[in-house]
Amino acid sequence: MKYLKVMFNRLFIFGLMILVQVVYMLLIISKFGHYSQLLSVICTVLSILVVLFIVNKEDNPAYKIAWIIPILLFPIFGGLLYLFLGNKKPGKKMRVKLEKEYSRQLKHVDQDQRVIEEIESQDMRVAGQVKYLSNYMNFPIYKNTQAVYYRSGEDNFKDLVRELKAAKHYIFMEYFIIAEGEMWDTILDILEQKAKEGLDVRLIYDDVGCISLLPYKYDRILEARGIKCMAFNPFIPFVSLVMNNRDHRKITVIDGHTGFTGGINLADEYINKKERFGYWKDTGIMLKGEAVWNLTTMFLHMWNSFRYTDEDYSKYKPHIHMEELVVNDGYIQPYGDLPLDEEIVGENVYLNIINNAKRYVYIFTPYLIIDNEMMTALCLASKRGIDVKIVTPGIPDKKTIFKLTRSYYNQLIENGVEIYEYTPGFIHAKVVVSDDEVATVGTINFDYRSLYLHFECGVFMYKTKCIQDIKRDAIETISKSKKIEKDFFKDNKFGVLFKAVLRLFAPLM
């Protein structure tokens, strides 16, 4: 029965159809290349031109190498394969819609320069990070905002339910994964009730993230229940570059003044009502106040790009429905990362924190698949005396990816970076905290897919009270984790070779 369920699953069927297309395409090219010397020469020349294009392209060197090697090994079809699958940006149709709406979104963001000046007077290095996100990426930093950090999905869920029940005007939700179960059923009942009360209730879910978890055309089911719904980038059974770009965000906005984000999706394992890989350790953050506006504009940008609804964003601003001014709690800057250009915002935020650290940097990440820039930054920080600690899962969700994560350990450990594996289970959190002053909590993994292909978000904080909570959580989590020593994992020659191949193709995984 279990096997039948898998075989008739949309992911299995569509995946099989795509595999057949790829194999058929490669066979045709290879066959014609074998029987037609002219075609073989044309394809080989094309592959050489593609390699020259890749070499001269402004791109991550690891990504270049990951493509150049297979193209040179298989010149007959390597170049064509790159033309079909090599572009990291969204397809033209999607990109045009997103860019058009993004130009409208920019009209609704405005940085209070006095806030920047305040930060400059305290720490120019932090001000540099802030100005990068504000001036270059158009995500302002705010005061008059409070932040609450959640060290578990369970704690986050309690407050999320409470705030959803208190909604009076609108609820916007955008999630990578939604799965039927206690967590989602509880939220769905609230959303349906609020829609009946006349609230503007909208939901975006990623179609691939939910493909094996929700019924087909689930958006129509929710629409019938009064909830406006959009499945982002629906999965199609054809070879298509656009399928690479997923909406990996986790955002809830309530009445404009309350927002949630972090690593926590809407499925029972995230609140440990369902055990998959031991204890599921995740983190989240709730914002109240002016900074929620950045999360709101991120959601509205995504929604209106594909389902145009709002001529004017300003009616959703925090102060419209905020009953009283929030007491200031440091500086808070929610930010997003879109694969529309070559700007890797998520990684740049992480690099800036690591490079500016004065005493320590503690990191939570489920996957540690890093490029040379990140490796250099982590090792250099350790060499200059910074206490660098990284926590990864003790029980993996993907065994191959876990092997790839472990392949980076030795080089880091040799340079003084401390690696810990979370013994109780799987850590899904994406957190960086440094020097009791700065931190970021969000959806962005330390891997190529998050940094280059996905739509992501995070919250950068400076001198907020919850940074101490994040530090305490980091120390407690590390105390429950196993420290990895150099050469802890002894691989045979095949294992070493396998990891080397994984590292080579890591940017494409």
Protein backbone atom coordinates (compact mmCIF):
# COMPACT_ATOMS: atom_id res chain seq x y z
CA MET A 1 0.00 0.00 0.00
CA LYS A 2 2.86 2.33 0.90
CA TYR A 3 4.59 1.69 -2.44
CA LEU A 4 1.36 2.27 -4.36
CA LYS A 5 0.94 5.62 -2.60
CA VAL A 6 4.46 6.63 -3.63
CA MET A 7 3.98 5.48 -7.22
CA PHE A 8 0.81 7.53 -7.63
CA ASN A 9 2.29 10.56 -5.90
CA ARG A 10 2.50 13.64 -8.15
CA LEU A 11 6.18 14.14 -7.31
CA PHE A 12 7.05 10.58 -8.35
CA ILE A 13 5.03 10.74 -11.57
CA PHE A 14 6.26 14.19 -12.62
CA GLY A 15 9.83 13.35 -11.59
CA LEU A 16 9.73 10.20 -13.71
CA MET A 17 8.40 12.17 -16.68
CA ILE A 18 11.24 14.70 -16.37
CA LEU A 19 13.83 11.93 -16.06
CA VAL A 20 12.52 10.30 -19.23
CA GLN A 21 12.75 13.64 -21.06
CA VAL A 22 16.35 14.23 -19.94
CA VAL A 23 17.47 10.69 -20.83
CA TYR A 24 15.69 10.83 -24.18
CA MET A 25 17.26 14.21 -24.99
CA LEU A 26 20.75 12.98 -24.11
CA LEU A 27 20.30 9.78 -26.13
CA ILE A 28 19.12 11.69 -29.20
CA ILE A 29 22.04 14.13 -29.03
CA SER A 30 24.53 11.33 -28.40
CA LYS A 31 23.10 9.17 -31.22
CA PHE A 32 23.14 11.96 -33.78
CA GLY A 33 26.57 13.03 -32.61
CA HIS A 34 27.81 9.48 -33.15
CA TYR A 35 26.34 9.14 -36.65
CA SER A 36 26.82 12.71 -37.81
CA GLN A 37 30.35 14.02 -37.71
CA LEU A 38 29.11 17.52 -38.56
CA LEU A 39 26.65 17.57 -35.66
CA SER A 40 29.32 16.20 -33.35
CA VAL A 41 31.69 19.01 -34.35
CA ILE A 42 28.94 21.63 -33.95
CA CYS A 43 28.05 20.36 -30.46
CA THR A 44 31.72 20.23 -29.44
CA VAL A 45 32.32 23.79 -30.64
CA LEU A 46 29.20 24.87 -28.80
CA SER A 47 30.53 23.26 -25.61
CA ILE A 48 33.84 25.09 -25.99
CA LEU A 49 32.02 28.40 -26.45
CA VAL A 50 29.87 27.68 -23.42
CA VAL A 51 32.99 26.95 -21.33
CA LEU A 52 34.51 30.27 -22.45
CA PHE A 53 31.25 32.01 -21.55
CA ILE A 54 31.23 30.40 -18.09
CA VAL A 55 34.88 31.31 -17.45
CA ASN A 56 34.24 34.96 -18.25
CA LYS A 57 30.93 35.13 -16.40
CA GLU A 58 30.75 36.97 -13.07
CA ASP A 59 29.79 34.00 -10.97
CA ASN A 60 30.92 31.87 -8.05
CA PRO A 61 34.08 29.92 -9.06
CA ALA A 62 32.74 26.71 -7.52
CA TYR A 63 29.60 26.95 -9.65
CA LYS A 64 31.74 27.50 -12.75
CA ILE A 65 33.92 24.44 -12.07
CA ALA A 66 30.88 22.29 -11.34
CA TRP A 67 29.68 22.96 -14.90
CA ILE A 68 32.97 23.18 -16.79
CA ILE A 69 34.13 19.66 -15.85
CA PRO A 70 31.05 17.73 -17.10
CA ILE A 71 30.90 19.91 -20.24
CA LEU A 72 34.50 19.04 -21.10
CA LEU A 73 33.98 15.38 -20.23
CA PHE A 74 30.88 15.15 -22.43
CA PRO A 75 31.35 17.84 -25.10
CA ILE A 76 28.68 16.44 -27.42
CA PHE A 77 25.82 17.30 -25.08
CA GLY A 78 27.47 19.18 -22.19
CA GLY A 79 27.06 22.62 -23.75
CA LEU A 80 23.43 22.01 -24.62
CA LEU A 81 22.75 20.75 -21.10
CA TYR A 82 24.13 23.99 -19.67
CA LEU A 83 21.92 26.05 -21.97
CA PHE A 84 18.91 24.12 -20.68
CA LEU A 85 19.81 23.93 -16.99
CA GLY A 86 22.72 26.25 -16.23
CA ASN A 87 21.01 29.56 -15.54
CA LYS A 88 20.34 30.26 -11.85
CA LYS A 89 17.95 33.14 -12.45
CA PRO A 90 14.18 32.64 -12.73
CA GLY A 91 12.74 32.16 -16.20
CA LYS A 92 12.06 35.27 -18.25
CA LYS A 93 8.29 35.22 -17.72
CA MET A 94 8.65 34.97 -13.95
CA ARG A 95 11.49 37.48 -13.86
CA VAL A 96 9.54 40.12 -15.79
CA LYS A 97 6.60 39.86 -13.38
CA LEU A 98 8.81 40.03 -10.30
CA GLU A 99 10.91 42.93 -11.58
CA LYS A 100 7.85 44.95 -12.59
CA GLU A 101 6.28 44.58 -9.17
CA TYR A 102 9.63 45.17 -7.45
CA SER A 103 9.81 48.64 -9.02
CA ARG A 104 6.39 49.36 -7.47
CA GLN A 105 7.49 47.95 -4.12
CA LEU A 106 10.43 50.38 -3.95
CA LYS A 107 8.01 53.31 -3.92
CA HIS A 108 6.80 52.17 -0.51
CA VAL A 109 10.12 51.84 1.33
CA ASP A 110 11.82 54.83 2.91
CA GLN A 111 14.81 54.88 5.24
CA ASP A 112 14.83 57.28 8.19
CA GLN A 113 18.41 58.58 7.89
CA ARG A 114 18.44 59.58 11.56
CA VAL A 115 18.41 55.89 12.47
CA ILE A 116 21.45 55.27 10.26
CA GLU A 117 23.25 58.23 11.86
CA GLU A 118 22.55 56.87 15.33
CA ILE A 119 24.13 53.55 14.42
CA GLU A 120 27.10 55.28 12.78
CA SER A 121 27.78 57.10 16.04
CA GLN A 122 27.91 53.75 17.88
CA ASP A 123 29.67 51.35 15.48
CA MET A 124 30.75 52.12 11.93
CA ARG A 125 31.19 48.43 11.11
CA VAL A 126 27.59 47.64 12.00
CA ALA A 127 26.54 50.79 10.13
CA GLY A 128 28.22 49.37 7.04
CA GLN A 129 26.09 46.22 7.24
CA VAL A 130 22.96 48.28 7.80
CA LYS A 131 23.68 50.63 4.88
CA TYR A 132 24.32 47.69 2.57
CA LEU A 133 20.82 46.32 3.25
CA SER A 134 19.17 49.73 3.28
CA ASN A 135 20.89 51.69 0.52
CA TYR A 136 21.79 48.86 -1.84
CA MET A 137 19.05 46.28 -1.21
CA ASN A 138 16.26 48.70 -0.17
CA PHE A 139 15.42 47.16 3.19
CA PRO A 140 15.33 49.97 5.79
CA ILE A 141 16.33 49.51 9.42
CA TYR A 142 13.91 50.58 12.14
CA LYS A 143 13.51 51.49 15.78
CA ASN A 144 10.14 51.40 17.56
CA THR A 145 10.05 47.62 17.20
CA GLN A 146 10.22 44.79 19.71
CA ALA A 147 11.56 41.30 18.98
CA VAL A 148 10.81 38.00 20.69
CA TYR A 149 13.10 35.04 19.96
CA TYR A 150 11.78 31.48 20.01
CA ARG A 151 14.18 28.64 20.73
CA SER A 152 11.68 26.01 19.62
CA GLY A 153 8.82 25.55 17.21
CA GLU A 154 6.53 24.72 20.13
CA ASP A 155 7.00 28.12 21.77
CA ASN A 156 6.66 29.89 18.44
CA PHE A 157 3.43 28.05 17.64
CA LYS A 158 1.72 29.10 20.88
CA ASP A 159 2.28 32.78 20.20
CA LEU A 160 1.48 32.44 16.49
CA VAL A 161 -1.92 30.95 17.34
CA ARG A 162 -2.59 33.68 19.90
CA GLU A 163 -1.72 36.47 17.49
CA LEU A 164 -3.72 34.93 14.62
CA LYS A 165 -6.78 34.74 16.85
CA ALA A 166 -6.31 38.42 17.73
CA ALA A 167 -6.21 39.56 14.08
CA LYS A 168 -8.79 42.22 13.23
CA HIS A 169 -8.03 43.35 9.69
CA TYR A 170 -5.80 41.04 7.64
CA ILE A 171 -3.50 38.01 7.75
CA PHE A 172 -0.75 37.36 5.19
CA MET A 173 1.14 34.04 5.28
CA GLU A 174 3.93 32.76 3.00
CA TYR A 175 5.50 29.33 3.64
CA PHE A 176 7.72 26.82 1.89
CA ILE A 177 6.15 23.77 3.55
CA ILE A 178 2.61 23.17 4.76
CA ALA A 179 1.52 19.68 5.79
CA GLU A 180 -1.83 18.45 7.02
CA GLY A 181 -1.73 17.68 10.73
CA GLU A 182 -2.30 19.24 14.13
CA MET A 183 -0.27 22.40 13.47
CA TRP A 184 -1.76 23.26 10.09
CA ASP A 185 -5.29 22.15 11.01
CA THR A 186 -5.24 24.50 14.02
CA ILE A 187 -4.06 27.41 11.88
CA LEU A 188 -6.46 26.58 9.04
CA ASP A 189 -9.46 26.69 11.39
CA ILE A 190 -8.41 30.17 12.53
CA LEU A 191 -7.84 31.40 8.98
CA GLU A 192 -11.21 30.10 7.84
CA GLN A 193 -12.97 31.76 10.78
CA LYS A 194 -11.19 35.05 10.19
CA ALA A 195 -12.13 34.95 6.50
CA LYS A 196 -15.78 34.46 7.51
CA GLU A 197 -15.46 37.51 9.76
CA GLY A 198 -14.48 39.56 6.71
CA LEU A 199 -10.70 39.78 7.19
CA ASP A 200 -8.39 39.81 4.18
CA VAL A 201 -6.75 36.39 4.55
CA ARG A 202 -4.06 35.41 2.03
CA LEU A 203 -1.73 32.44 1.81
CA ILE A 204 1.22 31.62 -0.45
CA TYR A 205 2.74 28.15 -0.37
CA ASP A 206 5.52 26.70 -2.48
CA ASP A 207 4.14 24.01 -4.77
CA VAL A 208 7.29 21.87 -4.74
CA GLY A 209 7.75 22.26 -0.99
CA CYS A 210 4.22 20.92 -0.50
CA ILE A 211 3.98 18.58 -3.47
CA SER A 212 3.85 15.36 -1.45
CA LEU A 213 2.13 16.92 1.57
CA LEU A 214 -0.98 18.65 0.23
CA PRO A 215 -3.69 17.55 -2.22
CA TYR A 216 -3.32 18.58 -5.86
CA LYS A 217 -4.71 22.08 -6.53
CA TYR A 218 -4.93 22.74 -2.81
CA ASP A 219 -5.16 26.47 -3.50
CA ARG A 220 -8.60 25.91 -5.00
CA ILE A 221 -9.71 24.02 -1.89
CA LEU A 222 -8.71 26.96 0.30
CA GLU A 223 -10.32 29.48 -2.04
CA ALA A 224 -13.58 27.60 -1.63
CA ARG A 225 -13.21 28.10 2.13
CA GLY A 226 -12.80 31.87 1.77
CA ILE A 227 -8.99 32.01 1.98
CA LYS A 228 -7.22 33.74 -0.89
CA CYS A 229 -4.46 31.37 -1.89
CA MET A 230 -1.62 31.08 -4.37
CA ALA A 231 0.65 28.10 -5.09
CA PHE A 232 4.04 29.58 -5.98
CA ASN A 233 5.73 28.34 -9.16
CA PRO A 234 3.55 25.23 -9.74
CA PHE A 235 5.52 22.08 -10.52
CA ILE A 236 5.25 21.06 -14.16
CA PRO A 237 6.34 17.69 -15.67
CA PHE A 238 8.76 19.27 -18.15
CA VAL A 239 12.46 20.08 -18.07
CA SER A 240 12.42 23.70 -16.95
CA LEU A 241 14.96 25.98 -15.31
CA VAL A 242 12.26 27.87 -13.45
CA MET A 243 11.57 24.82 -11.25
CA ASN A 244 14.90 25.53 -9.49
CA ASN A 245 13.63 28.76 -7.96
CA ARG A 246 11.56 28.04 -4.87
CA ASP A 247 9.88 30.28 -2.29
CA HIS A 248 11.75 29.15 0.84
CA ARG A 249 10.43 31.97 3.04
CA LYS A 250 8.41 31.62 6.21
CA ILE A 251 6.44 34.82 6.83
CA THR A 252 3.31 35.72 8.75
CA VAL A 253 2.05 39.32 8.91
CA ILE A 254 -0.91 40.23 11.10
CA ASP A 255 -2.58 43.65 10.78
CA GLY A 256 0.74 45.13 9.67
CA HIS A 257 2.14 45.51 13.17
CA THR A 258 2.96 41.89 14.05
CA GLY A 259 5.21 39.59 12.03
CA PHE A 260 6.77 36.14 12.32
CA THR A 261 9.66 34.55 10.46
CA GLY A 262 12.47 32.03 11.02
CA GLY A 263 13.05 28.42 10.08
CA ILE A 264 9.67 27.08 11.19
CA ASN A 265 7.32 25.73 8.52
CA LEU A 266 3.70 24.69 9.13
CA ALA A 267 4.08 20.94 9.71
CA ASP A 268 3.91 18.79 12.82
CA GLU A 269 7.61 17.87 13.00
CA TYR A 270 8.40 21.56 13.50
CA ILE A 271 6.52 21.53 16.81
CA ASN A 272 7.59 17.95 17.65
CA LYS A 273 4.11 16.51 17.38
CA LYS A 274 5.61 14.15 14.84
CA GLU A 275 9.07 12.61 15.19
CA ARG A 276 11.14 12.22 12.06
CA PHE A 277 14.81 12.73 12.98
CA GLY A 278 14.87 12.82 16.75
CA TYR A 279 14.04 16.15 18.39
CA TRP A 280 13.44 18.85 15.78
CA LYS A 281 15.31 21.95 16.91
CA ASP A 282 14.16 25.10 15.15
CA THR A 283 14.01 28.81 15.87
CA GLY A 284 11.81 31.77 15.02
CA ILE A 285 11.25 35.41 15.78
CA MET A 286 8.21 37.63 16.33
CA LEU A 287 8.36 41.34 15.57
CA LYS A 288 5.95 44.03 16.77
CA GLY A 289 6.23 47.53 15.42
CA GLU A 290 7.59 49.47 12.47
CA ALA A 291 10.06 46.83 11.19
CA VAL A 292 7.18 44.51 10.26
CA TRP A 293 6.74 46.73 7.20
CA ASN A 294 9.68 45.05 5.45
CA LEU A 295 8.03 41.63 5.86
CA THR A 296 4.74 43.06 4.60
CA THR A 297 6.29 44.51 1.43
CA MET A 298 8.09 41.21 0.77
CA PHE A 299 4.79 39.37 0.91
CA LEU A 300 2.94 41.96 -1.18
CA HIS A 301 5.70 41.93 -3.79
CA MET A 302 5.39 38.18 -4.20
CA TRP A 303 1.59 38.20 -4.16
CA ASN A 304 1.09 41.07 -6.61
CA SER A 305 3.73 39.77 -9.02
CA PHE A 306 1.49 36.83 -9.87
CA ARG A 307 -1.93 37.88 -8.61
CA TYR A 308 -2.21 41.63 -8.91
CA THR A 309 -4.46 42.94 -6.16
CA ASP A 310 -3.02 46.03 -4.50
CA GLU A 311 -2.55 49.34 -6.26
CA ASP A 312 -1.34 50.91 -3.03
CA TYR A 313 0.72 49.15 -0.34
CA SER A 314 0.49 52.02 2.14
CA LYS A 315 -2.86 50.94 3.59
CA TYR A 316 -1.05 47.98 5.16
CA LYS A 317 1.57 50.04 7.03
CA PRO A 318 2.15 49.18 10.71
CA HIS A 319 0.81 52.42 12.21
CA ILE A 320 -2.59 52.08 10.50
CA HIS A 321 -3.82 49.44 12.93
CA MET A 322 -1.23 49.76 15.72
CA GLU A 323 -3.06 50.90 18.83
CA GLU A 324 0.00 52.30 20.60
CA LEU A 325 3.63 53.07 19.78
CA VAL A 326 5.95 50.15 20.52
CA VAL A 327 8.72 50.84 23.03
CA ASN A 328 12.08 50.89 21.28
CA ASP A 329 14.15 47.69 21.48
CA GLY A 330 17.36 48.35 19.59
CA TYR A 331 17.53 48.30 15.79
CA ILE A 332 15.76 45.75 13.59
CA GLN A 333 16.11 45.20 9.84
CA PRO A 334 14.15 42.43 8.09
CA TYR A 335 15.63 41.68 4.65
CA GLY A 336 14.97 39.48 1.68
CA ASP A 337 17.03 37.71 -0.95
CA LEU A 338 15.73 37.21 -4.49
CA PRO A 339 17.48 35.25 -7.28
CA LEU A 340 16.87 38.06 -9.77
CA ASP A 341 20.50 39.13 -9.97
CA GLU A 342 23.97 37.97 -8.93
CA GLU A 343 23.70 39.64 -5.51
CA ILE A 344 23.86 36.95 -2.79
CA VAL A 345 22.34 39.00 0.01
CA GLY A 346 22.03 36.16 2.51
CA GLU A 347 25.67 35.18 2.25
CA ASN A 348 26.82 38.80 2.33
CA VAL A 349 24.97 39.38 5.60
CA TYR A 350 26.63 36.29 7.10
CA LEU A 351 30.07 37.31 5.78
CA ASN A 352 29.75 40.81 7.19
CA ILE A 353 28.87 39.49 10.64
CA ILE A 354 31.77 37.00 10.59
CA ASN A 355 34.29 39.51 9.23
CA ASN A 356 33.27 42.21 11.74
CA ALA A 357 33.20 39.93 14.79
CA LYS A 358 35.32 41.06 17.74
CA ARG A 359 34.94 38.16 20.19
CA TYR A 360 32.68 35.34 19.02
CA VAL A 361 30.38 34.03 16.29
CA TYR A 362 27.93 31.18 16.96
CA ILE A 363 26.10 29.60 14.01
CA PHE A 364 23.16 27.20 13.65
CA THR A 365 22.62 25.63 10.22
CA PRO A 366 21.09 22.35 9.02
CA TYR A 367 23.43 22.22 6.00
CA LEU A 368 27.03 23.40 5.77
CA ILE A 369 27.80 23.46 2.05
CA ILE A 370 29.94 26.54 1.66
CA ASP A 371 31.96 28.29 -1.03
CA ASN A 372 35.55 29.49 -0.82
CA GLU A 373 34.53 32.97 0.40
CA MET A 374 32.65 31.56 3.39
CA MET A 375 35.37 29.02 4.16
CA THR A 376 38.01 31.77 4.10
CA ALA A 377 35.93 34.08 6.31
CA LEU A 378 35.30 31.41 8.95
CA CYS A 379 38.93 30.26 9.03
CA LEU A 380 40.32 33.79 9.06
CA ALA A 381 37.99 34.80 11.90
CA SER A 382 39.22 31.85 13.95
CA LYS A 383 42.87 32.64 13.15
CA ARG A 384 42.48 36.18 14.42
CA GLY A 385 41.20 34.91 17.75
CA ILE A 386 37.43 34.89 17.26
CA ASP A 387 35.56 32.07 19.00
CA VAL A 388 33.79 30.47 16.01
CA LYS A 389 31.32 27.67 16.80
CA ILE A 390 29.02 25.96 14.28
CA VAL A 391 26.19 23.58 15.18
CA THR A 392 24.89 21.13 12.57
CA PRO A 393 22.46 18.18 12.91
CA GLY A 394 23.31 15.03 14.82
CA ILE A 395 20.58 13.13 12.98
CA PRO A 396 20.35 14.15 9.29
CA ASP A 397 17.26 14.54 7.15
CA LYS A 398 19.20 13.87 3.92
CA LYS A 399 22.09 11.42 4.24
CA THR A 400 23.95 12.45 1.09
CA ILE A 401 23.76 16.13 2.02
CA PHE A 402 24.92 15.20 5.52
CA LYS A 403 28.00 13.50 4.07
CA LEU A 404 28.63 16.61 2.02
CA THR A 405 28.28 18.79 5.13
CA ARG A 406 30.79 16.63 6.99
CA SER A 407 33.26 16.90 4.11
CA TYR A 408 33.90 20.53 5.11
CA TYR A 409 34.65 19.75 8.77
CA ASN A 410 38.37 18.94 8.65
CA GLN A 411 39.46 22.13 6.93
CA LEU A 412 37.44 24.22 9.38
CA ILE A 413 38.69 22.31 12.42
CA GLU A 414 42.31 22.52 11.25
CA ASN A 415 41.92 26.30 11.30
CA GLY A 416 40.43 26.45 14.78
CA VAL A 417 36.71 26.52 14.01
CA GLU A 418 34.73 24.36 16.45
CA ILE A 419 32.10 22.06 14.93
CA TYR A 420 29.28 20.52 16.98
CA GLU A 421 26.59 18.05 15.97
CA TYR A 422 23.27 18.40 17.78
CA THR A 423 22.97 15.06 19.57
CA PRO A 424 19.20 15.04 20.33
CA GLY A 425 18.24 15.16 16.65
CA PHE A 426 17.91 17.50 13.69
CA ILE A 427 18.65 21.23 13.88
CA HIS A 428 16.79 23.19 11.22
CA ALA A 429 17.54 26.67 12.62
CA LYS A 430 19.34 29.34 10.59
CA VAL A 431 20.90 31.65 13.19
CA VAL A 432 24.08 33.70 13.53
CA VAL A 433 24.85 35.64 16.74
CA SER A 434 27.98 37.65 17.51
CA ASP A 435 29.50 39.72 20.33
CA ASP A 436 26.23 40.15 22.31
CA GLU A 437 25.35 42.93 19.85
CA VAL A 438 24.34 41.57 16.44
CA ALA A 439 22.36 38.57 15.25
CA THR A 440 20.29 37.35 12.34
CA VAL A 441 17.44 34.83 12.40
CA GLY A 442 15.78 33.69 9.20
CA THR A 443 15.26 31.09 6.50
CA ILE A 444 18.69 31.13 4.83
CA ASN A 445 20.78 27.96 5.02
CA PHE A 446 24.54 27.85 4.55
CA ASP A 447 24.17 26.11 1.19
CA TYR A 448 24.09 26.97 -2.49
CA ARG A 449 20.36 26.50 -3.01
CA SER A 450 19.42 28.98 -0.28
CA LEU A 451 22.09 31.46 -1.25
CA TYR A 452 21.71 31.37 -5.04
CA LEU A 453 18.37 29.90 -6.11
CA HIS A 454 15.66 30.47 -3.51
CA PHE A 455 13.55 33.38 -2.36
CA GLU A 456 14.63 33.87 1.26
CA CYS A 457 14.33 36.27 4.19
CA GLY A 458 15.93 37.07 7.51
CA VAL A 459 15.98 39.61 10.34
CA PHE A 460 19.17 41.48 11.21
CA MET A 461 19.28 42.88 14.75
CA TYR A 462 21.60 45.27 16.54
CA LYS A 463 21.43 45.83 20.31
CA THR A 464 18.02 44.21 20.74
CA LYS A 465 17.27 42.53 24.06
CA CYS A 466 16.55 39.15 22.48
CA ILE A 467 20.16 38.84 21.30
CA GLN A 468 20.97 37.68 24.82
CA ASP A 469 18.24 35.04 24.47
CA ILE A 470 19.81 33.89 21.21
CA LYS A 471 23.24 33.65 22.84
CA ARG A 472 21.85 31.65 25.78
CA ASP A 473 20.10 29.30 23.36
CA ALA A 474 23.35 28.86 21.42
CA ILE A 475 25.32 28.00 24.56
CA GLU A 476 22.63 25.57 25.75
CA THR A 477 22.40 23.92 22.33
CA ILE A 478 26.17 23.55 22.14
CA SER A 479 26.16 21.92 25.59
CA LYS A 480 23.76 19.27 24.24
CA SER A 481 25.90 18.67 21.15
CA LYS A 482 28.92 16.52 20.39
CA LYS A 483 32.13 18.32 19.53
CA ILE A 484 33.75 16.95 16.39
CA GLU A 485 37.51 16.44 16.50
CA LYS A 486 39.85 16.43 13.52
CA ASP A 487 39.80 13.19 11.50
CA PHE A 488 36.82 11.98 13.55
CA PHE A 489 35.36 10.44 10.42
CA LYS A 490 37.67 7.81 8.92
CA ASP A 491 36.84 7.21 5.28
CA ASN A 492 38.22 4.51 3.04
CA LYS A 493 39.52 5.46 -0.40
CA PHE A 494 36.08 5.09 -1.92
CA GLY A 495 34.58 7.34 0.79
CA VAL A 496 37.21 10.02 0.18
CA LEU A 497 36.56 9.86 -3.57
CA PHE A 498 32.79 10.01 -3.04
CA LYS A 499 33.06 13.11 -0.85
CA ALA A 500 35.39 14.73 -3.39
CA VAL A 501 32.79 14.20 -6.12
CA LEU A 502 30.07 15.56 -3.85
CA ARG A 503 32.16 18.68 -3.13
CA LEU A 504 32.75 19.19 -6.84
CA PHE A 505 29.06 19.14 -7.70
CA ALA A 506 27.84 20.79 -4.47
CA PRO A 507 26.82 24.02 -6.26
CA LEU A 508 24.40 22.04 -8.44
CA MET A 509 22.76 20.09 -5.63
